[in-house]
Amino acid sequence: MYFAALLARTEDGWEASDTELDDVETLADLADLAREASPDDDTVLVLIEQEDAWFGVVRVDGEEDPRIYVSDAAAAARSSYGEILLTDELLGRDPADGDDLDALDLDGTEDGESGEDDESDGGAGAAGAAEAVPHGPVGDAQILDDLGVSEKELRSMVTDAVTEIAESLGASETLEAVR
């Protein structure tokens, strides 16, 4: 079960909105969705949480590139919403290293599942992609420092992280209204 919300900082404090990610296919789509939530180019946070498996924070400040933090890249890689956040740049991969067909899991296995013939493709494909995603946090752990959530606090969050972040920002009631 997923929960995703947008928190937009305004002159009057934080405004929250529940968000549906079904039409979001790329990080650029997600950033555009966040920018629409704040016409004044204020800070917008996209908070995504999959039960107690992983959480992600995407911060959009006006037209700047989005900043991303994911608590557990390996867990996020097994979900469609997590895959949106796990860009080649975030994972330190060169996009030219593989072509798009290698990432599509055309061998008939589920995401993250290994097939009998994994060795026949020379280690590329799903098995190679899984190895490229580290276990543990990736991204900008200082993403919320200036908002009162230190890197140490962010890295220590495991369960109900979205609620903890909202509490630290003084936006827990606002977030609970859309939950």
N, C-alpha and C. Protein backbone atom coordinates (compact mmCIF):
# COMPACT_ATOMS: atom_id res chain seq x y z
N MET A 1 0.83 -1.17 0.00
CA MET A 1 0.00 0.00 0.00
C MET A 1 0.89 1.25 0.00
N TYR A 2 0.56 2.17 -0.87
CA TYR A 2 1.32 3.39 -1.01
C TYR A 2 0.54 4.57 -0.47
N PHE A 3 1.29 5.56 -0.03
CA PHE A 3 0.71 6.85 0.28
C PHE A 3 1.61 7.88 -0.34
N ALA A 4 1.03 8.83 -1.03
CA ALA A 4 1.80 9.92 -1.64
C ALA A 4 1.06 11.23 -1.39
N ALA A 5 1.81 12.24 -1.02
CA ALA A 5 1.22 13.54 -0.75
C ALA A 5 2.19 14.63 -1.20
N LEU A 6 1.60 15.77 -1.51
CA LEU A 6 2.38 16.96 -1.83
C LEU A 6 2.24 17.92 -0.65
N LEU A 7 3.36 18.45 -0.19
CA LEU A 7 3.35 19.51 0.80
C LEU A 7 3.96 20.74 0.15
N ALA A 8 3.17 21.79 0.02
CA ALA A 8 3.64 23.02 -0.61
C ALA A 8 3.77 24.10 0.46
N ARG A 9 4.93 24.71 0.53
CA ARG A 9 5.15 25.79 1.50
C ARG A 9 4.61 27.08 0.92
N THR A 10 3.77 27.73 1.70
CA THR A 10 3.17 29.00 1.28
C THR A 10 3.44 30.05 2.36
N GLU A 11 2.99 31.28 2.12
CA GLU A 11 3.13 32.34 3.11
C GLU A 11 2.39 31.99 4.40
N ASP A 12 1.32 31.22 4.27
CA ASP A 12 0.48 30.86 5.42
C ASP A 12 0.89 29.54 6.07
N GLY A 13 1.98 28.94 5.65
CA GLY A 13 2.42 27.66 6.18
C GLY A 13 2.36 26.58 5.11
N TRP A 14 2.27 25.34 5.54
CA TRP A 14 2.26 24.22 4.61
C TRP A 14 0.84 23.88 4.18
N GLU A 15 0.67 23.61 2.90
CA GLU A 15 -0.60 23.11 2.37
C GLU A 15 -0.34 21.71 1.83
N ALA A 16 -1.23 20.79 2.17
CA ALA A 16 -1.06 19.41 1.75
C ALA A 16 -2.14 19.01 0.77
N SER A 17 -1.78 18.13 -0.13
CA SER A 17 -2.78 17.53 -1.02
C SER A 17 -2.38 16.09 -1.29
N ASP A 18 -3.39 15.24 -1.24
CA ASP A 18 -3.19 13.84 -1.59
C ASP A 18 -2.93 13.82 -3.09
N THR A 19 -2.06 12.99 -3.53
CA THR A 19 -1.77 12.98 -4.95
C THR A 19 -1.83 11.56 -5.50
N GLU A 20 -2.33 11.47 -6.69
CA GLU A 20 -2.42 10.19 -7.40
C GLU A 20 -1.25 10.12 -8.38
N LEU A 21 -0.48 9.07 -8.30
CA LEU A 21 0.72 8.95 -9.13
C LEU A 21 0.52 8.03 -10.34
N ASP A 22 -0.71 7.61 -10.60
CA ASP A 22 -0.95 6.67 -11.70
C ASP A 22 -0.54 7.23 -13.06
N ASP A 23 -0.65 8.54 -13.25
CA ASP A 23 -0.30 9.13 -14.55
C ASP A 23 1.14 9.63 -14.60
N VAL A 24 1.87 9.47 -13.51
CA VAL A 24 3.26 9.91 -13.44
C VAL A 24 4.16 8.76 -13.89
N GLU A 25 4.94 9.01 -14.93
CA GLU A 25 5.81 7.96 -15.48
C GLU A 25 7.28 8.27 -15.30
N THR A 26 7.61 9.55 -15.13
CA THR A 26 9.02 9.94 -15.03
C THR A 26 9.20 10.95 -13.90
N LEU A 27 10.44 11.17 -13.53
CA LEU A 27 10.75 12.19 -12.54
C LEU A 27 10.32 13.57 -13.03
N ALA A 28 10.45 13.82 -14.32
CA ALA A 28 10.03 15.11 -14.88
C ALA A 28 8.51 15.30 -14.69
N ASP A 29 7.73 14.24 -14.90
CA ASP A 29 6.29 14.31 -14.67
C ASP A 29 5.99 14.64 -13.21
N LEU A 30 6.72 14.01 -12.31
CA LEU A 30 6.52 14.24 -10.88
C LEU A 30 6.89 15.68 -10.51
N ALA A 31 7.98 16.17 -11.05
CA ALA A 31 8.40 17.55 -10.79
C ALA A 31 7.36 18.54 -11.32
N ASP A 32 6.81 18.27 -12.50
CA ASP A 32 5.77 19.14 -13.05
C ASP A 32 4.54 19.15 -12.16
N LEU A 33 4.15 17.98 -11.65
CA LEU A 33 3.02 17.87 -10.75
C LEU A 33 3.26 18.70 -9.49
N ALA A 34 4.47 18.64 -8.96
CA ALA A 34 4.83 19.42 -7.78
C ALA A 34 4.79 20.91 -8.08
N ARG A 35 5.30 21.32 -9.21
CA ARG A 35 5.31 22.75 -9.56
C ARG A 35 3.90 23.30 -9.72
N GLU A 36 2.99 22.47 -10.20
CA GLU A 36 1.59 22.90 -10.34
C GLU A 36 0.96 23.18 -8.97
N ALA A 37 1.46 22.54 -7.92
CA ALA A 37 0.91 22.73 -6.58
C ALA A 37 1.34 24.06 -5.96
N SER A 38 2.33 24.74 -6.54
CA SER A 38 2.82 26.00 -6.00
C SER A 38 3.07 26.99 -7.12
N PRO A 39 2.07 27.79 -7.44
CA PRO A 39 2.23 28.75 -8.54
C PRO A 39 3.27 29.83 -8.26
N ASP A 40 3.66 30.01 -6.99
CA ASP A 40 4.63 31.05 -6.63
C ASP A 40 6.06 30.55 -6.56
N ASP A 41 6.33 29.37 -7.11
CA ASP A 41 7.67 28.78 -7.10
C ASP A 41 8.21 28.54 -5.70
N ASP A 42 7.32 28.31 -4.73
CA ASP A 42 7.75 27.97 -3.39
C ASP A 42 8.20 26.52 -3.35
N THR A 43 8.76 26.13 -2.23
CA THR A 43 9.20 24.75 -2.03
C THR A 43 8.02 23.81 -1.99
N VAL A 44 8.12 22.72 -2.73
CA VAL A 44 7.12 21.66 -2.69
C VAL A 44 7.84 20.35 -2.41
N LEU A 45 7.30 19.60 -1.47
CA LEU A 45 7.83 18.28 -1.16
C LEU A 45 6.84 17.23 -1.61
N VAL A 46 7.33 16.23 -2.31
CA VAL A 46 6.53 15.06 -2.63
C VAL A 46 7.01 13.97 -1.69
N LEU A 47 6.09 13.48 -0.88
CA LEU A 47 6.41 12.43 0.08
C LEU A 47 5.73 11.15 -0.38
N ILE A 48 6.51 10.10 -0.55
CA ILE A 48 5.98 8.81 -1.00
C ILE A 48 6.42 7.76 0.02
N GLU A 49 5.49 6.91 0.38
CA GLU A 49 5.79 5.88 1.37
C GLU A 49 5.12 4.59 0.98
N GLN A 50 5.85 3.50 1.01
CA GLN A 50 5.27 2.18 0.81
C GLN A 50 5.36 1.46 2.14
N GLU A 51 4.20 1.43 2.82
CA GLU A 51 4.10 0.81 4.14
C GLU A 51 5.39 1.04 4.91
N ASP A 52 6.02 0.01 5.41
CA ASP A 52 7.26 0.20 6.16
C ASP A 52 8.47 -0.25 5.36
N ALA A 53 8.32 -0.39 4.04
CA ALA A 53 9.42 -0.88 3.20
C ALA A 53 10.40 0.22 2.82
N TRP A 54 9.90 1.37 2.40
CA TRP A 54 10.76 2.46 1.98
C TRP A 54 9.94 3.74 1.91
N PHE A 55 10.65 4.87 1.89
CA PHE A 55 10.00 6.16 1.64
C PHE A 55 10.93 7.01 0.79
N GLY A 56 10.33 7.97 0.12
CA GLY A 56 11.10 8.88 -0.71
C GLY A 56 10.63 10.30 -0.52
N VAL A 57 11.55 11.23 -0.67
CA VAL A 57 11.25 12.65 -0.61
C VAL A 57 11.80 13.27 -1.88
N VAL A 58 10.95 13.99 -2.58
CA VAL A 58 11.38 14.76 -3.74
C VAL A 58 11.11 16.21 -3.42
N ARG A 59 12.12 17.02 -3.54
CA ARG A 59 11.98 18.45 -3.24
C ARG A 59 12.12 19.23 -4.53
N VAL A 60 11.14 20.08 -4.78
CA VAL A 60 11.16 20.94 -5.96
C VAL A 60 11.10 22.38 -5.48
N ASP A 61 12.13 23.13 -5.82
CA ASP A 61 12.20 24.56 -5.50
C ASP A 61 12.16 25.34 -6.80
N GLY A 62 10.98 25.83 -7.16
CA GLY A 62 10.83 26.59 -8.39
C GLY A 62 11.22 25.76 -9.61
N GLU A 63 12.05 26.33 -10.45
CA GLU A 63 12.45 25.65 -11.69
C GLU A 63 13.75 24.87 -11.54
N GLU A 64 14.29 24.81 -10.33
CA GLU A 64 15.52 24.04 -10.12
C GLU A 64 15.25 22.56 -10.32
N ASP A 65 16.32 21.80 -10.58
CA ASP A 65 16.19 20.35 -10.70
C ASP A 65 15.70 19.78 -9.38
N PRO A 66 14.85 18.77 -9.44
CA PRO A 66 14.38 18.16 -8.20
C PRO A 66 15.52 17.50 -7.43
N ARG A 67 15.44 17.56 -6.12
CA ARG A 67 16.37 16.86 -5.24
C ARG A 67 15.63 15.65 -4.69
N ILE A 68 16.34 14.54 -4.53
CA ILE A 68 15.69 13.27 -4.19
C ILE A 68 16.43 12.58 -3.05
N TYR A 69 15.66 11.97 -2.17
CA TYR A 69 16.19 11.07 -1.16
C TYR A 69 15.29 9.85 -1.12
N VAL A 70 15.88 8.66 -1.14
CA VAL A 70 15.14 7.40 -1.04
C VAL A 70 15.78 6.60 0.09
N SER A 71 14.94 6.14 1.02
CA SER A 71 15.45 5.47 2.22
C SER A 71 16.06 4.11 1.95
N ASP A 72 15.55 3.37 0.98
CA ASP A 72 16.08 2.05 0.65
C ASP A 72 15.92 1.82 -0.85
N ALA A 73 17.00 2.02 -1.57
CA ALA A 73 16.95 1.94 -3.02
C ALA A 73 16.53 0.56 -3.52
N ALA A 74 17.03 -0.49 -2.90
CA ALA A 74 16.69 -1.84 -3.35
C ALA A 74 15.21 -2.12 -3.20
N ALA A 75 14.62 -1.71 -2.09
CA ALA A 75 13.18 -1.90 -1.88
C ALA A 75 12.39 -1.04 -2.86
N ALA A 76 12.82 0.19 -3.07
CA ALA A 76 12.13 1.09 -3.98
C ALA A 76 12.21 0.60 -5.42
N ALA A 77 13.30 -0.06 -5.78
CA ALA A 77 13.48 -0.55 -7.14
C ALA A 77 12.45 -1.62 -7.50
N ARG A 78 11.87 -2.23 -6.50
CA ARG A 78 10.86 -3.27 -6.75
C ARG A 78 9.45 -2.70 -6.86
N SER A 79 9.32 -1.39 -6.87
CA SER A 79 8.00 -0.79 -7.00
C SER A 79 7.99 0.21 -8.16
N SER A 80 6.84 0.35 -8.77
CA SER A 80 6.75 1.26 -9.91
C SER A 80 6.98 2.71 -9.50
N TYR A 81 6.51 3.09 -8.31
CA TYR A 81 6.72 4.47 -7.87
C TYR A 81 8.18 4.71 -7.51
N GLY A 82 8.81 3.72 -6.93
CA GLY A 82 10.22 3.85 -6.60
C GLY A 82 11.08 3.98 -7.83
N GLU A 83 10.73 3.26 -8.88
CA GLU A 83 11.50 3.33 -10.13
C GLU A 83 11.50 4.73 -10.72
N ILE A 84 10.45 5.51 -10.46
CA ILE A 84 10.39 6.89 -10.94
C ILE A 84 11.50 7.71 -10.30
N LEU A 85 11.76 7.46 -9.03
CA LEU A 85 12.74 8.24 -8.28
C LEU A 85 14.18 7.79 -8.52
N LEU A 86 14.37 6.53 -8.83
CA LEU A 86 15.72 5.96 -8.95
C LEU A 86 16.29 6.20 -10.34
N THR A 87 16.68 7.41 -10.58
CA THR A 87 17.25 7.77 -11.87
C THR A 87 18.68 7.25 -11.97
N ASP A 88 19.18 7.16 -13.18
CA ASP A 88 20.57 6.74 -13.39
C ASP A 88 21.52 7.66 -12.62
N GLU A 89 21.25 8.95 -12.66
CA GLU A 89 22.10 9.92 -11.97
C GLU A 89 22.11 9.66 -10.46
N LEU A 90 20.95 9.40 -9.88
CA LEU A 90 20.85 9.15 -8.45
C LEU A 90 21.62 7.90 -8.06
N LEU A 91 21.59 6.89 -8.92
CA LEU A 91 22.27 5.62 -8.64
C LEU A 91 23.72 5.61 -9.09
N GLY A 92 24.18 6.71 -9.71
CA GLY A 92 25.57 6.79 -10.15
C GLY A 92 25.87 5.94 -11.37
N ARG A 93 24.82 5.69 -12.17
CA ARG A 93 25.02 4.89 -13.39
C ARG A 93 25.09 5.80 -14.60
N ASP A 94 25.82 5.34 -15.59
CA ASP A 94 25.88 6.03 -16.87
C ASP A 94 24.75 5.49 -17.73
N PRO A 95 23.80 6.34 -18.16
CA PRO A 95 22.67 5.85 -18.94
C PRO A 95 23.09 5.17 -20.25
N ALA A 96 24.30 5.43 -20.71
CA ALA A 96 24.78 4.81 -21.95
C ALA A 96 25.27 3.38 -21.72
N ASP A 97 25.39 2.96 -20.44
CA ASP A 97 25.89 1.62 -20.15
C ASP A 97 24.97 0.51 -20.65
N GLY A 98 23.70 0.76 -20.69
CA GLY A 98 22.77 -0.27 -21.15
C GLY A 98 21.71 0.39 -22.01
N ASP A 99 21.04 -0.39 -22.83
CA ASP A 99 19.99 0.21 -23.61
C ASP A 99 18.66 -0.04 -22.92
N ASP A 100 17.63 0.63 -23.40
CA ASP A 100 16.31 0.55 -22.77
C ASP A 100 15.74 -0.86 -22.76
N LEU A 101 16.08 -1.68 -23.74
CA LEU A 101 15.52 -3.03 -23.80
C LEU A 101 16.01 -3.89 -22.64
N ASP A 102 17.23 -3.66 -22.15
CA ASP A 102 17.73 -4.43 -21.02
C ASP A 102 16.92 -4.19 -19.76
N ALA A 103 16.37 -3.00 -19.61
CA ALA A 103 15.64 -2.64 -18.40
C ALA A 103 14.19 -3.08 -18.43
N LEU A 104 13.70 -3.61 -19.53
CA LEU A 104 12.28 -3.90 -19.65
C LEU A 104 11.86 -5.27 -19.13
N ASP A 105 12.79 -6.11 -18.71
CA ASP A 105 12.45 -7.44 -18.21
C ASP A 105 11.64 -8.23 -19.23
N LEU A 106 12.13 -8.29 -20.44
CA LEU A 106 11.42 -8.98 -21.50
C LEU A 106 11.60 -10.50 -21.43
N ASP A 107 12.29 -10.99 -20.40
CA ASP A 107 12.51 -12.43 -20.29
C ASP A 107 11.32 -13.15 -19.65
N GLY A 108 10.25 -12.42 -19.32
CA GLY A 108 9.05 -13.04 -18.78
C GLY A 108 9.04 -13.17 -17.28
N THR A 109 10.06 -12.67 -16.60
CA THR A 109 10.06 -12.74 -15.14
C THR A 109 9.46 -11.46 -14.57
N GLU A 110 9.04 -11.54 -13.33
CA GLU A 110 8.56 -10.36 -12.62
C GLU A 110 9.76 -9.49 -12.26
N ASP A 111 9.52 -8.22 -11.94
CA ASP A 111 10.59 -7.35 -11.52
C ASP A 111 11.31 -7.94 -10.33
N GLY A 112 12.63 -8.01 -10.41
CA GLY A 112 13.45 -8.51 -9.31
C GLY A 112 13.51 -10.02 -9.22
N GLU A 113 12.73 -10.73 -10.03
CA GLU A 113 12.71 -12.20 -9.98
C GLU A 113 13.74 -12.71 -10.98
N SER A 114 14.49 -13.70 -10.59
CA SER A 114 15.48 -14.23 -11.52
C SER A 114 14.89 -15.40 -12.29
N GLY A 115 15.26 -15.49 -13.53
CA GLY A 115 14.79 -16.59 -14.38
C GLY A 115 15.86 -17.65 -14.49
N GLU A 116 15.47 -18.80 -15.02
CA GLU A 116 16.39 -19.91 -15.19
C GLU A 116 17.54 -19.56 -16.13
N ASP A 117 17.24 -18.69 -17.11
CA ASP A 117 18.23 -18.42 -18.15
C ASP A 117 18.98 -17.11 -17.96
N ASP A 118 19.09 -16.62 -16.72
CA ASP A 118 19.79 -15.36 -16.48
C ASP A 118 21.22 -15.40 -16.98
N GLU A 119 21.89 -16.55 -16.92
CA GLU A 119 23.27 -16.63 -17.34
C GLU A 119 23.41 -16.54 -18.85
N SER A 120 22.36 -16.86 -19.59
CA SER A 120 22.45 -16.85 -21.05
C SER A 120 22.57 -15.45 -21.62
N ASP A 121 22.21 -14.42 -20.83
CA ASP A 121 22.33 -13.07 -21.36
C ASP A 121 23.60 -12.38 -20.90
N GLY A 122 24.55 -13.15 -20.39
CA GLY A 122 25.85 -12.60 -20.01
C GLY A 122 25.79 -11.78 -18.74
N GLY A 123 24.75 -11.95 -17.91
CA GLY A 123 24.65 -11.22 -16.67
C GLY A 123 23.94 -9.90 -16.80
N ALA A 124 23.52 -9.52 -17.99
CA ALA A 124 22.78 -8.28 -18.16
C ALA A 124 21.32 -8.55 -17.82
N GLY A 125 20.48 -7.57 -18.00
CA GLY A 125 19.06 -7.78 -17.74
C GLY A 125 18.73 -7.63 -16.27
N ALA A 126 17.71 -8.35 -15.81
CA ALA A 126 17.18 -8.18 -14.45
C ALA A 126 18.24 -8.46 -13.38
N ALA A 127 19.04 -9.49 -13.54
CA ALA A 127 20.03 -9.82 -12.52
C ALA A 127 21.09 -8.73 -12.44
N GLY A 128 21.55 -8.23 -13.56
CA GLY A 128 22.54 -7.16 -13.57
C GLY A 128 21.98 -5.86 -13.03
N ALA A 129 20.72 -5.57 -13.34
CA ALA A 129 20.09 -4.34 -12.86
C ALA A 129 19.91 -4.38 -11.35
N ALA A 130 19.56 -5.55 -10.81
CA ALA A 130 19.36 -5.65 -9.37
C ALA A 130 20.66 -5.40 -8.62
N GLU A 131 21.78 -5.84 -9.17
CA GLU A 131 23.06 -5.63 -8.52
C GLU A 131 23.46 -4.16 -8.53
N ALA A 132 22.99 -3.38 -9.50
CA ALA A 132 23.37 -1.99 -9.62
C ALA A 132 22.62 -1.10 -8.63
N VAL A 133 21.59 -1.62 -7.97
CA VAL A 133 20.82 -0.83 -7.02
C VAL A 133 21.27 -1.18 -5.61
N PRO A 134 21.83 -0.21 -4.89
CA PRO A 134 22.35 -0.51 -3.56
C PRO A 134 21.23 -0.71 -2.53
N HIS A 135 21.51 -1.51 -1.54
CA HIS A 135 20.61 -1.62 -0.39
C HIS A 135 20.89 -0.43 0.51
N GLY A 136 19.87 0.20 1.00
CA GLY A 136 20.05 1.36 1.87
C GLY A 136 19.74 2.65 1.16
N PRO A 137 19.98 3.75 1.85
CA PRO A 137 19.58 5.07 1.33
C PRO A 137 20.45 5.55 0.17
N VAL A 138 19.82 6.31 -0.71
CA VAL A 138 20.52 6.99 -1.80
C VAL A 138 19.95 8.40 -1.93
N GLY A 139 20.73 9.25 -2.51
CA GLY A 139 20.25 10.60 -2.79
C GLY A 139 20.78 11.63 -1.80
N ASP A 140 20.09 12.75 -1.75
CA ASP A 140 20.49 13.91 -0.97
C ASP A 140 19.91 13.82 0.44
N ALA A 141 20.68 13.31 1.38
CA ALA A 141 20.21 13.16 2.76
C ALA A 141 20.09 14.50 3.47
N GLN A 142 20.59 15.56 2.88
CA GLN A 142 20.48 16.90 3.47
C GLN A 142 19.31 17.68 2.85
N ILE A 143 18.44 16.98 2.18
CA ILE A 143 17.33 17.57 1.44
C ILE A 143 16.40 18.42 2.32
N LEU A 144 16.30 18.09 3.60
CA LEU A 144 15.39 18.81 4.50
C LEU A 144 16.12 19.57 5.60
N ASP A 145 17.44 19.66 5.53
CA ASP A 145 18.22 20.33 6.58
C ASP A 145 17.70 21.73 6.89
N ASP A 146 17.50 22.54 5.86
CA ASP A 146 17.08 23.92 6.09
C ASP A 146 15.62 24.03 6.56
N LEU A 147 14.91 22.90 6.54
CA LEU A 147 13.52 22.88 7.01
C LEU A 147 13.40 22.26 8.40
N GLY A 148 14.53 21.93 9.01
CA GLY A 148 14.52 21.43 10.38
C GLY A 148 14.64 19.93 10.55
N VAL A 149 14.89 19.19 9.46
CA VAL A 149 15.08 17.75 9.56
C VAL A 149 16.52 17.47 9.12
N SER A 150 17.35 17.10 10.09
CA SER A 150 18.76 16.89 9.79
C SER A 150 18.98 15.59 9.02
N GLU A 151 20.15 15.48 8.44
CA GLU A 151 20.53 14.26 7.72
C GLU A 151 20.45 13.06 8.65
N LYS A 152 20.94 13.21 9.88
CA LYS A 152 20.92 12.11 10.85
C LYS A 152 19.48 11.69 11.16
N GLU A 153 18.59 12.65 11.35
CA GLU A 153 17.19 12.33 11.63
C GLU A 153 16.55 11.62 10.44
N LEU A 154 16.81 12.12 9.25
CA LEU A 154 16.22 11.53 8.05
C LEU A 154 16.69 10.09 7.86
N ARG A 155 17.97 9.86 8.04
CA ARG A 155 18.51 8.50 7.87
C ARG A 155 18.02 7.53 8.94
N SER A 156 17.62 8.05 10.11
CA SER A 156 17.17 7.16 11.18
C SER A 156 15.68 6.81 11.06
N MET A 157 14.96 7.48 10.19
CA MET A 157 13.53 7.20 10.02
C MET A 157 13.33 5.88 9.31
N VAL A 158 12.45 5.06 9.86
CA VAL A 158 12.20 3.76 9.25
C VAL A 158 10.70 3.57 9.02
N THR A 159 9.93 3.59 10.08
CA THR A 159 8.49 3.39 9.95
C THR A 159 7.77 4.71 10.09
N ASP A 160 6.73 4.89 9.33
CA ASP A 160 5.89 6.08 9.35
C ASP A 160 6.70 7.37 9.16
N ALA A 161 7.66 7.32 8.26
CA ALA A 161 8.56 8.44 8.02
C ALA A 161 7.82 9.68 7.52
N VAL A 162 6.81 9.50 6.70
CA VAL A 162 6.08 10.64 6.17
C VAL A 162 5.46 11.44 7.32
N THR A 163 4.89 10.75 8.29
CA THR A 163 4.30 11.42 9.44
C THR A 163 5.38 12.13 10.27
N GLU A 164 6.52 11.47 10.46
CA GLU A 164 7.62 12.09 11.21
C GLU A 164 8.12 13.35 10.52
N ILE A 165 8.24 13.30 9.21
CA ILE A 165 8.70 14.47 8.46
C ILE A 165 7.69 15.60 8.61
N ALA A 166 6.42 15.29 8.44
CA ALA A 166 5.37 16.31 8.57
C ALA A 166 5.37 16.93 9.97
N GLU A 167 5.57 16.11 11.00
CA GLU A 167 5.63 16.63 12.37
C GLU A 167 6.80 17.59 12.52
N SER A 168 7.95 17.24 11.97
CA SER A 168 9.13 18.09 12.06
C SER A 168 8.93 19.42 11.34
N LEU A 169 8.14 19.40 10.28
CA LEU A 169 7.87 20.61 9.51
C LEU A 169 6.74 21.44 10.11
N GLY A 170 6.05 20.88 11.10
CA GLY A 170 4.88 21.56 11.66
C GLY A 170 3.66 21.43 10.76
N ALA A 171 3.62 20.36 9.99
CA ALA A 171 2.53 20.16 9.02
C ALA A 171 1.78 18.86 9.24
N SER A 172 1.87 18.29 10.44
CA SER A 172 1.24 16.98 10.66
C SER A 172 -0.29 17.05 10.55
N GLU A 173 -0.91 18.09 11.10
CA GLU A 173 -2.37 18.20 10.98
C GLU A 173 -2.79 18.40 9.54
N THR A 174 -2.02 19.18 8.82
CA THR A 174 -2.32 19.42 7.40
C THR A 174 -2.22 18.12 6.61
N LEU A 175 -1.19 17.32 6.88
CA LEU A 175 -1.00 16.06 6.19
C LEU A 175 -2.09 15.06 6.56
N GLU A 176 -2.42 14.99 7.84
CA GLU A 176 -3.44 14.04 8.29
C GLU A 176 -4.80 14.33 7.66
N ALA A 177 -5.05 15.58 7.32
CA ALA A 177 -6.33 15.94 6.68
C ALA A 177 -6.48 15.30 5.31
N VAL A 178 -5.38 14.99 4.64
CA VAL A 178 -5.46 14.38 3.31
C VAL A 178 -5.17 12.89 3.33
N ARG A 179 -4.74 12.38 4.46
CA ARG A 179 -4.37 10.96 4.55
C ARG A 179 -5.59 10.08 4.54
